[in-house]
Amino acid sequence: MKRINRMLQCLLVWSALAVGTVQASTSSSEITDMWWNPGETGWGLNVILQHDVAFLTFFVYDTTGSPTWFTSDAHLATDGSAVWSGQLYATTGPWFGGPFNAGNVRVRTVGSATFTLVSLNQATLTYTVDNVTVTKTLERQTWTSEDYTGQYLGGYSVANSNCNPINLNGTQEDGGFLSVQQNGVHITITTTTAATTCTYNGTYTQTGKLGLVNGSYSCTNAVAGSFQLFDMTPMLSGFTGRFTGQNQRCQFSGYFGGVRRAI
């Protein structure tokens, strides 16, 4: 039992480090993904987020219809809004089939770019190239679904509110072993802690690299309700996500995640 308690203490420390004070990145929601407009297939935007810098790579076309390369190192706004802005560059260089001479790379500042996260899965892109301004509505592009099936050492940290009785309001944290079984869109998560076992059944949706589960749950201590697990970000070592829901006692909102067990 002492060993399990030490494991759970380590888990809660890991959870705090993994989710930080916001969501999937240490500075904002995770925007790393392939973004596109389904009504305009053939062009798109790659976004790679590192802390508060988003590197944007455009694949678009010039006035002759030829592929054109634009990039931007966009920085997160300092006012807390989910907006990344930076200068936009056009780059030319040596032919890909020959020797690469970095001295032949030419970079020209052509304007600016702003990527605004409207919701977790939708964004607005505004950019200017040589005084021509373009505004596009984007969403994450989905290629395939993740499979979270596995065994994890995990847990959650949530803030309870509107509780009855009111003494349940506040932070609630627990940790233990997670078992995830995913079969297509159906997913079952079983959490086993020192105090109780809970089973979460839901429907899984993939949007870009992020996952979403809507469903219901019940526990051996008679607590039951509905939940949503969203902003699910998979890694080889495990997964993290945000967690909301309600039961017969409280509403809750917080974080949920697990480290894959080395078994």
Protein backbone atom coordinates (compact mmCIF):
# COMPACT_ATOMS: atom_id res chain seq x y z
CA MET A 1 0.00 0.00 0.00
CA LYS A 2 2.87 2.40 0.78
CA ARG A 3 4.30 1.70 -2.68
CA ILE A 4 0.94 2.49 -4.33
CA ASN A 5 0.62 5.72 -2.33
CA ARG A 6 4.09 6.81 -3.46
CA MET A 7 3.12 5.98 -7.05
CA LEU A 8 -0.03 8.08 -6.75
CA GLN A 9 1.91 11.02 -5.30
CA CYS A 10 4.34 10.83 -8.22
CA LEU A 11 1.40 10.62 -10.62
CA LEU A 12 -0.17 13.82 -9.31
CA VAL A 13 3.14 15.64 -9.65
CA TRP A 14 3.47 14.33 -13.22
CA SER A 15 -0.10 15.42 -14.02
CA ALA A 16 0.61 18.96 -12.86
CA LEU A 17 3.73 19.09 -14.99
CA ALA A 18 2.05 17.55 -18.03
CA VAL A 19 -0.99 19.80 -18.22
CA GLY A 20 0.57 22.97 -16.83
CA THR A 21 -1.80 25.76 -15.90
CA VAL A 22 -3.68 25.81 -19.18
CA GLN A 23 -4.26 22.90 -21.56
CA ALA A 24 -2.11 20.83 -23.90
CA SER A 25 0.87 23.13 -24.34
CA THR A 26 2.53 24.96 -21.47
CA SER A 27 1.33 28.27 -22.93
CA SER A 28 -1.96 27.53 -24.71
CA SER A 29 -4.23 24.89 -26.22
CA GLU A 30 -2.47 22.52 -28.60
CA ILE A 31 -2.67 23.93 -32.13
CA THR A 32 -0.05 21.69 -33.73
CA ASP A 33 -1.95 20.14 -36.61
CA MET A 34 -2.80 20.21 -40.31
CA TRP A 35 -5.36 22.99 -40.86
CA TRP A 36 -7.54 23.42 -43.97
CA ASN A 37 -10.84 24.65 -45.39
CA PRO A 38 -12.91 21.64 -46.61
CA GLY A 39 -14.49 23.81 -49.29
CA GLU A 40 -11.09 24.74 -50.72
CA THR A 41 -9.16 21.49 -51.09
CA GLY A 42 -5.67 21.81 -52.51
CA TRP A 43 -4.11 24.27 -50.10
CA GLY A 44 -3.52 24.26 -46.38
CA LEU A 45 -1.53 25.34 -43.36
CA ASN A 46 0.82 23.29 -41.19
CA VAL A 47 1.15 24.57 -37.62
CA ILE A 48 3.88 23.46 -35.22
CA LEU A 49 3.63 24.86 -31.69
CA GLN A 50 6.63 25.14 -29.38
CA HIS A 51 5.69 26.83 -26.13
CA ASP A 52 4.49 30.29 -27.27
CA VAL A 53 5.83 30.20 -30.86
CA ALA A 54 3.80 28.72 -33.72
CA PHE A 55 5.73 27.99 -36.91
CA LEU A 56 3.30 28.34 -39.82
CA THR A 57 3.99 26.72 -43.18
CA PHE A 58 1.66 27.67 -46.05
CA PHE A 59 1.25 25.63 -49.21
CA VAL A 60 -0.50 27.99 -51.62
CA TYR A 61 -0.13 29.16 -55.24
CA ASP A 62 0.97 32.33 -57.02
CA THR A 63 -0.80 34.21 -59.82
CA THR A 64 0.41 31.64 -62.38
CA GLY A 65 -0.88 28.68 -60.36
CA SER A 66 2.63 27.57 -59.34
CA PRO A 67 3.27 26.34 -55.78
CA THR A 68 4.54 29.07 -53.47
CA TRP A 69 6.34 28.73 -50.15
CA PHE A 70 5.44 31.03 -47.22
CA THR A 71 6.44 30.69 -43.58
CA SER A 72 5.96 32.63 -40.36
CA ASP A 73 7.30 32.36 -36.82
CA ALA A 74 4.17 33.64 -35.08
CA HIS A 75 4.24 34.54 -31.39
CA LEU A 76 1.42 34.15 -28.89
CA ALA A 77 -0.29 37.35 -27.78
CA THR A 78 0.76 38.58 -24.34
CA ASP A 79 -2.79 39.51 -23.29
CA GLY A 80 -3.84 35.88 -22.81
CA SER A 81 -5.82 35.58 -26.04
CA ALA A 82 -5.28 32.59 -28.36
CA VAL A 83 -3.77 34.68 -31.17
CA TRP A 84 -0.38 34.13 -32.81
CA SER A 85 1.13 36.85 -35.02
CA GLY A 86 4.37 37.34 -36.90
CA GLN A 87 6.04 38.40 -40.10
CA LEU A 88 5.47 36.37 -43.27
CA TYR A 89 8.40 35.25 -45.41
CA ALA A 90 8.81 34.01 -48.97
CA THR A 91 11.77 31.69 -49.45
CA THR A 92 13.62 30.49 -52.54
CA GLY A 93 16.63 28.25 -52.75
CA PRO A 94 18.59 25.59 -54.66
CA TRP A 95 16.82 22.95 -56.74
CA PHE A 96 15.92 19.93 -54.59
CA GLY A 97 17.56 17.46 -56.97
CA GLY A 98 20.99 19.04 -56.85
CA PRO A 99 23.56 19.87 -54.19
CA PHE A 100 22.18 22.15 -51.50
CA ASN A 101 24.11 25.39 -51.09
CA ALA A 102 22.69 27.33 -48.16
CA GLY A 103 24.27 30.45 -49.54
CA ASN A 104 21.73 30.38 -52.37
CA VAL A 105 18.73 30.57 -50.02
CA ARG A 106 16.92 33.88 -50.26
CA VAL A 107 14.37 35.05 -47.67
CA ARG A 108 12.12 38.04 -48.29
CA THR A 109 9.67 39.60 -45.83
CA VAL A 110 6.40 39.90 -47.78
CA GLY A 111 3.93 40.83 -45.04
CA SER A 112 2.45 39.41 -41.86
CA ALA A 113 0.32 36.50 -40.63
CA THR A 114 -2.15 36.07 -37.76
CA PHE A 115 -3.57 32.73 -36.60
CA THR A 116 -6.54 33.04 -34.23
CA LEU A 117 -7.98 30.02 -32.42
CA VAL A 118 -11.75 30.55 -32.45
CA SER A 119 -12.56 27.25 -30.74
CA LEU A 120 -10.53 24.15 -30.03
CA ASN A 121 -11.01 22.86 -33.59
CA GLN A 122 -11.61 26.06 -35.59
CA ALA A 123 -9.38 28.99 -36.44
CA THR A 124 -9.13 32.12 -38.56
CA LEU A 125 -6.06 32.84 -40.65
CA THR A 126 -5.31 36.35 -41.92
CA TYR A 127 -2.18 37.06 -43.91
CA THR A 128 -0.80 39.73 -46.21
CA VAL A 129 1.52 39.18 -49.17
CA ASP A 130 2.83 42.29 -50.93
CA ASN A 131 -0.22 44.32 -49.84
CA VAL A 132 -2.73 41.58 -50.79
CA THR A 133 -4.68 40.53 -47.69
CA VAL A 134 -6.36 37.12 -47.37
CA THR A 135 -8.66 35.90 -44.58
CA LYS A 136 -9.62 32.22 -44.31
CA THR A 137 -11.69 30.09 -41.96
CA LEU A 138 -9.90 26.87 -41.06
CA GLU A 139 -10.48 23.63 -39.19
CA ARG A 140 -8.29 20.68 -38.25
CA GLN A 141 -7.86 18.09 -40.96
CA THR A 142 -8.46 14.49 -39.90
CA TRP A 143 -6.64 11.63 -41.59
CA THR A 144 -7.17 8.73 -39.19
CA SER A 145 -8.24 7.96 -35.62
CA GLU A 146 -5.97 7.32 -32.68
CA ASP A 147 -6.34 4.16 -30.62
CA TYR A 148 -5.92 4.76 -26.87
CA THR A 149 -6.26 1.09 -25.91
CA GLY A 150 -3.77 0.26 -23.18
CA GLN A 151 -2.88 0.25 -19.50
CA TYR A 152 -1.87 3.46 -17.77
CA LEU A 153 -0.87 4.90 -14.41
CA GLY A 154 -3.08 7.96 -14.32
CA GLY A 155 -5.51 10.19 -12.57
CA TYR A 156 -7.39 13.45 -12.52
CA SER A 157 -7.49 16.85 -10.87
CA VAL A 158 -10.83 18.69 -11.04
CA ALA A 159 -12.57 21.65 -9.48
CA ASN A 160 -16.01 20.76 -8.09
CA SER A 161 -18.75 23.41 -8.09
CA ASN A 162 -22.50 23.77 -7.36
CA CYS A 163 -22.19 20.81 -5.00
CA ASN A 164 -24.82 19.45 -2.66
CA PRO A 165 -23.65 19.26 0.08
CA ILE A 166 -21.57 22.42 -0.35
CA ASN A 167 -18.58 21.00 1.54
CA LEU A 168 -17.77 19.00 -1.64
CA ASN A 169 -16.95 22.21 -3.52
CA GLY A 170 -13.27 22.66 -4.26
CA THR A 171 -10.42 20.67 -5.73
CA GLN A 172 -10.74 16.90 -5.98
CA GLU A 173 -7.78 14.71 -7.00
CA ASP A 174 -7.25 10.98 -7.26
CA GLY A 175 -4.94 8.58 -9.03
CA GLY A 176 -4.50 4.91 -9.77
CA PHE A 177 -4.54 2.53 -12.68
CA LEU A 178 -6.41 3.23 -15.94
CA SER A 179 -7.52 0.59 -18.41
CA VAL A 180 -8.65 1.86 -21.81
CA GLN A 181 -10.47 -0.31 -24.35
CA GLN A 182 -11.30 1.31 -27.69
CA ASN A 183 -13.25 -0.39 -30.46
CA GLY A 184 -13.86 2.05 -33.28
CA VAL A 185 -15.92 4.92 -31.90
CA HIS A 186 -16.75 3.12 -28.65
CA ILE A 187 -14.37 3.64 -25.76
CA THR A 188 -14.39 2.35 -22.18
CA ILE A 189 -12.09 3.73 -19.49
CA THR A 190 -11.88 1.94 -16.14
CA THR A 191 -10.15 3.73 -13.27
CA THR A 192 -9.07 1.79 -10.19
CA THR A 193 -7.92 3.72 -7.13
CA ALA A 194 -7.48 2.80 -3.48
CA ALA A 195 -11.02 4.01 -2.75
CA THR A 196 -13.18 3.08 -5.73
CA THR A 197 -13.50 1.80 -9.28
CA CYS A 198 -15.22 3.88 -11.96
CA THR A 199 -16.24 2.90 -15.49
CA TYR A 200 -16.58 5.53 -18.21
CA ASN A 201 -18.38 4.57 -21.42
CA GLY A 202 -18.54 6.96 -24.34
CA THR A 203 -18.37 7.73 -28.04
CA TYR A 204 -14.99 8.75 -29.43
CA THR A 205 -14.51 11.44 -32.08
CA GLN A 206 -11.22 12.32 -33.78
CA THR A 207 -10.61 15.88 -35.02
CA GLY A 208 -7.12 16.40 -36.36
CA LYS A 209 -4.70 15.11 -33.75
CA LEU A 210 -7.13 15.68 -30.86
CA GLY A 211 -9.69 13.27 -29.42
CA LEU A 212 -13.08 13.78 -27.78
CA VAL A 213 -15.22 11.41 -25.70
CA ASN A 214 -18.82 12.07 -24.65
CA GLY A 215 -20.52 9.58 -22.37
CA SER A 216 -21.63 8.50 -18.92
CA TYR A 217 -19.92 6.91 -15.95
CA SER A 218 -20.64 5.10 -12.71
CA CYS A 219 -18.51 4.21 -9.70
CA THR A 220 -18.62 1.54 -7.00
CA ASN A 221 -19.26 4.28 -4.40
CA ALA A 222 -22.64 5.01 -6.13
CA VAL A 223 -21.44 8.22 -7.81
CA ALA A 224 -22.66 8.41 -11.43
CA GLY A 225 -23.16 11.01 -14.11
CA SER A 226 -22.15 12.33 -17.51
CA PHE A 227 -18.73 13.44 -18.70
CA GLN A 228 -16.78 14.89 -21.60
CA LEU A 229 -13.09 14.18 -22.11
CA PHE A 230 -11.73 16.59 -24.72
CA ASP A 231 -8.49 18.14 -25.96
CA MET A 232 -7.15 14.57 -25.74
CA THR A 233 -3.54 14.59 -26.87
CA PRO A 234 -1.84 11.21 -27.46
CA MET A 235 1.83 10.46 -26.94
CA LEU A 236 3.86 7.27 -27.04
CA SER A 237 4.25 7.65 -23.28
CA GLY A 238 0.56 8.24 -22.55
CA PHE A 239 -2.12 10.90 -22.99
CA THR A 240 -3.54 14.05 -21.44
CA GLY A 241 -6.92 15.74 -21.77
CA ARG A 242 -9.40 18.12 -20.24
CA PHE A 243 -12.30 16.75 -18.26
CA THR A 244 -15.79 18.14 -17.53
CA GLY A 245 -19.06 16.65 -16.33
CA GLN A 246 -21.56 16.35 -13.56
CA ASN A 247 -22.99 13.78 -11.18
CA GLN A 248 -25.73 13.70 -8.58
CA ARG A 249 -23.52 15.75 -6.26
CA CYS A 250 -21.44 18.25 -8.25
CA GLN A 251 -20.38 19.76 -11.53
CA PHE A 252 -16.66 19.42 -12.25
CA SER A 253 -13.99 20.65 -14.64
CA GLY A 254 -10.28 19.91 -14.79
CA TYR A 255 -7.65 17.58 -16.21
CA PHE A 256 -7.34 13.85 -16.85
CA GLY A 257 -4.40 11.79 -18.09
CA GLY A 258 -2.15 8.80 -17.80
CA VAL A 259 1.39 7.50 -18.27
CA ARG A 260 1.52 4.26 -20.25
CA ARG A 261 2.53 1.39 -18.01
CA ALA A 262 5.77 -0.37 -18.89
CA ILE A 263 4.28 -3.86 -19.00
